[in-house]
Every structure is written in structure tokens, then in C-alpha cells.
Amino acid sequence: MHKSSPTSSLRSAGFSFVELLVAFAVLILALSIFSNAVAGLGKQRVVSRENALAAWAASNVLESMRREDFAEVFALYNSDSGDDPVVSAPGNRFLVAGLDSLPGAPAGLHGEVIFPTFEDPLDGLQLREDLVDPRFGTPRDLSGDSIIDGNGHNDDYFALPVLIRIQWSGSTGRRQYELASLLCHFEKADL
């Protein structure tokens, strides 16, 4: 029978210094992974909140546009205050509460309503059918006359493409949300 020495039985009964270092390294690595996962979940929650605020604000603006007299929507929400039918027209810029403004944002406003327009030096801002812009699906007949022309259709549009863009300084840097829609005017036939 083999007798073990007192030092060899002590080594087999406990951990060596190297084994303790390896155990601590594994524990630190596991804690690091866990803390990164928790931090990532927290950041994702903030990003989700920002996205929800932007989507809610864009939907609200779109619903506000739908509640207006259709013939006045373009004038109420475009960037030209000179054609506003009322003094308190909302215009094309709006604030989104809960989001941080980008540096240099006009008046700190996050949101913008965009139409397929052209700035004519003589006639001013014009709603145009002939502009090539995939965001609006144009060129497109906006007046319902089956012709796509280069005229302004500020007063005779039947379809109104709109893009609502919200830009903000988010937890992950510069962020943007866009909502595109096509507003149409349908009149009920008299029965």
C-alpha cells in the first residue's frame, strides 16, 4: 500500500492557486456577460420607447390631416404660410414630446410634413404630379384627370401623397422615423 505524504493530501483536499484564478476568471466573465445583457435590454427598452413616441406622433398628425377639409389639407400642412386658409394653421413642422431635438432643428421641432412639391420662382410652392420621387410614388396623377402634367395642383388635387418624417437625437445617436400615406378624396354619390 502506498502512503501519501502530508503535503500531497493537502493538495488533493483543496484548490490550488491556479484553480482559484481560473474559477474567478470564469465568474468575472459570466458576470460581465450578464451585465452586458441587462444593459442591452435597458437600451433596447429606451429605443423601443423612442420608436413608439415617433410612431404615435406621426399617426396623430396623419389623423389630424384626415379630419380637415380635404381641399385645405395641402395649404394647412405645407411649408408656405402665405397660403394658409386660417391664421392658426398647423404648418409643416411639429414637436414630439419626449424626444430630444437634433442640433440645428428648426425651433427644436422634430417632425415635418412633406408633400411632392416644387418651389416655382413666380408661383411659389406647387403640388406637382410630374416630380420623380419614389417616396410619393410620383410621377402620379393627383388631380384625377388621367394626365400627369407639370402644372401646380394646389387647388385641384384628388389624391395627396404625404410623408411624415420625425428626426431626433436618440439614445443610440441620430434617429429617424417615416410614415408615408396617400390621402384621397371620395365623395358619396347621392342616392
Protein backbone atom coordinates (compact mmCIF):
# COMPACT_ATOMS: atom_id res chain seq x y z
CA MET A 1 0.00 0.00 0.00
CA HIS A 2 1.19 3.45 -0.88
CA LYS A 3 1.37 6.02 1.85
CA SER A 4 0.67 9.60 0.92
CA SER A 5 2.71 12.36 2.37
CA PRO A 6 1.01 15.15 4.39
CA THR A 7 1.65 17.74 1.64
CA SER A 8 0.11 15.63 -1.12
CA SER A 9 -3.08 15.07 0.90
CA LEU A 10 -3.36 18.83 1.47
CA ARG A 11 -3.09 19.47 -2.28
CA SER A 12 -5.80 16.97 -3.11
CA ALA A 13 -8.11 18.29 -0.37
CA GLY A 14 -8.28 21.95 -1.56
CA PHE A 15 -7.89 24.18 -4.59
CA SER A 16 -4.60 25.31 -5.94
CA PHE A 17 -3.96 29.00 -6.58
CA VAL A 18 -4.23 28.44 -10.36
CA GLU A 19 -7.59 26.71 -9.97
CA LEU A 20 -8.87 29.63 -7.88
CA LEU A 21 -7.71 32.11 -10.56
CA VAL A 22 -9.49 30.13 -13.28
CA ALA A 23 -12.67 29.97 -11.19
CA PHE A 24 -12.57 33.72 -10.56
CA ALA A 25 -11.93 34.42 -14.27
CA VAL A 26 -14.95 32.30 -15.25
CA LEU A 27 -17.09 34.06 -12.63
CA ILE A 28 -15.98 37.53 -13.81
CA LEU A 29 -16.66 36.56 -17.44
CA ALA A 30 -20.15 35.31 -16.54
CA LEU A 31 -20.91 38.50 -14.58
CA SER A 32 -19.67 40.62 -17.47
CA ILE A 33 -21.90 38.78 -19.96
CA PHE A 34 -24.87 39.12 -17.62
CA SER A 35 -24.32 42.85 -17.03
CA ASN A 36 -23.94 43.47 -20.79
CA ALA A 37 -27.19 41.61 -21.42
CA VAL A 38 -29.01 43.68 -18.77
CA ALA A 39 -27.56 46.92 -20.17
CA GLY A 40 -28.55 45.87 -23.71
CA LEU A 41 -32.11 45.19 -22.58
CA GLY A 42 -32.27 48.60 -20.92
CA LYS A 43 -31.00 50.31 -24.07
CA GLN A 44 -33.47 48.35 -26.22
CA ARG A 45 -36.30 49.45 -23.94
CA VAL A 46 -35.30 53.10 -24.44
CA VAL A 47 -35.07 52.63 -28.23
CA SER A 48 -38.48 50.95 -28.28
CA ARG A 49 -39.96 53.83 -26.28
CA GLU A 50 -38.47 56.38 -28.69
CA ASN A 51 -39.83 54.45 -31.70
CA ALA A 52 -43.28 54.25 -30.11
CA LEU A 53 -43.34 58.01 -29.42
CA ALA A 54 -42.34 58.77 -33.02
CA ALA A 55 -44.89 56.35 -34.50
CA TRP A 56 -47.64 57.71 -32.25
CA ALA A 57 -46.84 61.33 -33.19
CA ALA A 58 -46.73 60.56 -36.93
CA SER A 59 -50.05 58.71 -36.73
CA ASN A 60 -51.60 61.61 -34.82
CA VAL A 61 -50.54 64.12 -37.46
CA LEU A 62 -51.89 61.88 -40.22
CA GLU A 63 -55.21 61.51 -38.38
CA SER A 64 -55.36 65.29 -37.88
CA MET A 65 -54.91 65.73 -41.61
CA ARG A 66 -57.75 63.29 -42.30
CA ARG A 67 -60.10 65.29 -40.05
CA GLU A 68 -59.54 68.51 -42.01
CA ASP A 69 -61.50 69.66 -45.03
CA PHE A 70 -59.68 67.69 -47.77
CA ALA A 71 -59.45 70.70 -50.10
CA GLU A 72 -57.47 72.59 -47.42
CA VAL A 73 -55.08 69.88 -46.23
CA PHE A 74 -52.22 70.86 -48.54
CA ALA A 75 -52.46 74.56 -47.62
CA LEU A 76 -52.78 73.80 -43.89
CA TYR A 77 -49.77 71.45 -43.69
CA ASN A 78 -47.29 72.70 -46.29
CA SER A 79 -44.27 74.89 -45.60
CA ASP A 80 -45.76 78.04 -47.19
CA SER A 81 -47.51 80.10 -44.51
CA GLY A 82 -48.69 82.53 -47.20
CA ASP A 83 -51.39 80.16 -48.45
CA ASP A 84 -52.80 79.20 -45.03
CA PRO A 85 -56.61 79.28 -45.02
CA VAL A 86 -56.62 80.09 -41.28
CA VAL A 87 -54.27 82.03 -39.02
CA SER A 88 -53.67 79.04 -36.74
CA ALA A 89 -52.72 76.56 -39.50
CA PRO A 90 -50.51 73.78 -38.11
CA GLY A 91 -47.88 74.14 -40.86
CA ASN A 92 -45.35 71.52 -41.81
CA ARG A 93 -43.29 71.33 -38.57
CA PHE A 94 -44.32 69.88 -35.21
CA LEU A 95 -42.94 68.92 -31.80
CA VAL A 96 -42.85 65.39 -30.41
CA ALA A 97 -42.92 65.45 -26.61
CA GLY A 98 -40.48 63.03 -25.01
CA LEU A 99 -37.87 63.08 -27.79
CA ASP A 100 -34.66 65.15 -27.80
CA SER A 101 -34.20 67.57 -30.69
CA LEU A 102 -31.33 67.29 -33.11
CA PRO A 103 -28.83 70.13 -33.00
CA GLY A 104 -29.90 72.74 -35.53
CA ALA A 105 -33.50 71.51 -35.81
CA PRO A 106 -35.76 74.46 -36.72
CA ALA A 107 -37.19 75.78 -33.44
CA GLY A 108 -36.32 72.42 -31.85
CA LEU A 109 -39.14 70.73 -33.77
CA HIS A 110 -38.79 67.04 -34.54
CA GLY A 111 -41.47 66.39 -37.13
CA GLU A 112 -42.01 67.51 -40.69
CA VAL A 113 -44.87 67.02 -43.15
CA ILE A 114 -43.59 66.66 -46.72
CA PHE A 115 -45.53 66.73 -49.99
CA PRO A 116 -44.30 66.29 -53.59
CA THR A 117 -43.71 69.99 -54.18
CA PHE A 118 -41.66 72.28 -56.36
CA GLU A 119 -40.71 75.85 -55.45
CA ASP A 120 -41.54 77.92 -58.53
CA PRO A 121 -39.82 81.33 -58.57
CA LEU A 122 -43.02 83.05 -59.77
CA ASP A 123 -45.86 80.93 -58.40
CA GLY A 124 -44.28 79.77 -55.14
CA LEU A 125 -44.77 76.30 -53.67
CA GLN A 126 -46.59 73.96 -56.06
CA LEU A 127 -48.01 70.49 -55.54
CA ARG A 128 -46.75 68.65 -58.63
CA GLU A 129 -47.65 65.43 -60.42
CA ASP A 130 -44.54 65.22 -62.61
CA LEU A 131 -41.90 65.07 -59.87
CA VAL A 132 -39.95 61.83 -59.83
CA ASP A 133 -39.84 60.78 -56.20
CA PRO A 134 -40.25 57.14 -55.13
CA ARG A 135 -41.21 58.21 -51.59
CA PHE A 136 -44.51 59.51 -53.01
CA GLY A 137 -44.93 57.10 -55.92
CA THR A 138 -44.62 60.03 -58.29
CA PRO A 139 -44.99 60.85 -61.08
CA ARG A 140 -48.66 60.22 -60.41
CA ASP A 141 -51.99 61.74 -61.43
CA LEU A 142 -53.05 63.83 -58.42
CA SER A 143 -55.97 65.70 -59.99
CA GLY A 144 -57.90 62.68 -61.27
CA ASP A 145 -57.88 63.82 -64.91
CA SER A 146 -55.80 60.81 -66.12
CA ILE A 147 -52.98 63.15 -67.21
CA ILE A 148 -49.66 63.67 -65.47
CA ASP A 149 -48.63 67.25 -66.19
CA GLY A 150 -46.16 69.85 -64.95
CA ASN A 151 -48.78 72.19 -63.51
CA GLY A 152 -49.35 73.08 -59.90
CA HIS A 153 -52.28 71.21 -58.35
CA ASN A 154 -52.56 73.08 -55.05
CA ASP A 155 -56.30 73.61 -55.53
CA ASP A 156 -57.49 70.63 -57.60
CA TYR A 157 -55.87 67.52 -56.15
CA PHE A 158 -57.88 64.34 -55.76
CA ALA A 159 -55.02 62.30 -54.28
CA LEU A 160 -52.47 63.77 -51.90
CA PRO A 161 -49.24 61.85 -51.20
CA VAL A 162 -47.74 62.75 -47.84
CA LEU A 163 -44.61 61.78 -45.96
CA ILE A 164 -44.35 62.44 -42.24
CA ARG A 165 -40.75 62.41 -41.05
CA ILE A 166 -39.60 62.61 -37.44
CA GLN A 167 -35.92 63.07 -36.60
CA TRP A 168 -34.44 63.14 -33.12
CA SER A 169 -31.33 62.63 -31.06
CA GLY A 170 -31.86 59.22 -29.51
CA SER A 171 -30.06 57.01 -27.07
CA THR A 172 -28.18 55.38 -29.95
CA GLY A 173 -27.48 58.59 -31.89
CA ARG A 174 -29.38 60.30 -34.70
CA ARG A 175 -32.73 58.58 -35.31
CA GLN A 176 -35.47 58.89 -37.91
CA TYR A 177 -38.98 57.56 -38.38
CA GLU A 178 -41.05 57.98 -41.55
CA LEU A 179 -44.71 57.35 -42.30
CA ALA A 180 -45.88 57.59 -45.91
CA SER A 181 -49.51 57.68 -46.94
CA LEU A 182 -51.81 58.66 -49.75
CA LEU A 183 -54.82 60.73 -48.77
CA CYS A 184 -57.72 60.53 -51.23
CA HIS A 185 -60.99 62.41 -51.54
CA PHE A 186 -64.04 60.31 -52.22
CA GLU A 187 -67.48 61.83 -52.36
CA LYS A 188 -70.55 59.76 -51.63
CA ALA A 189 -72.95 59.51 -54.54
CA ASP A 190 -76.43 60.84 -53.91
CA LEU A 191 -78.93 58.02 -53.83
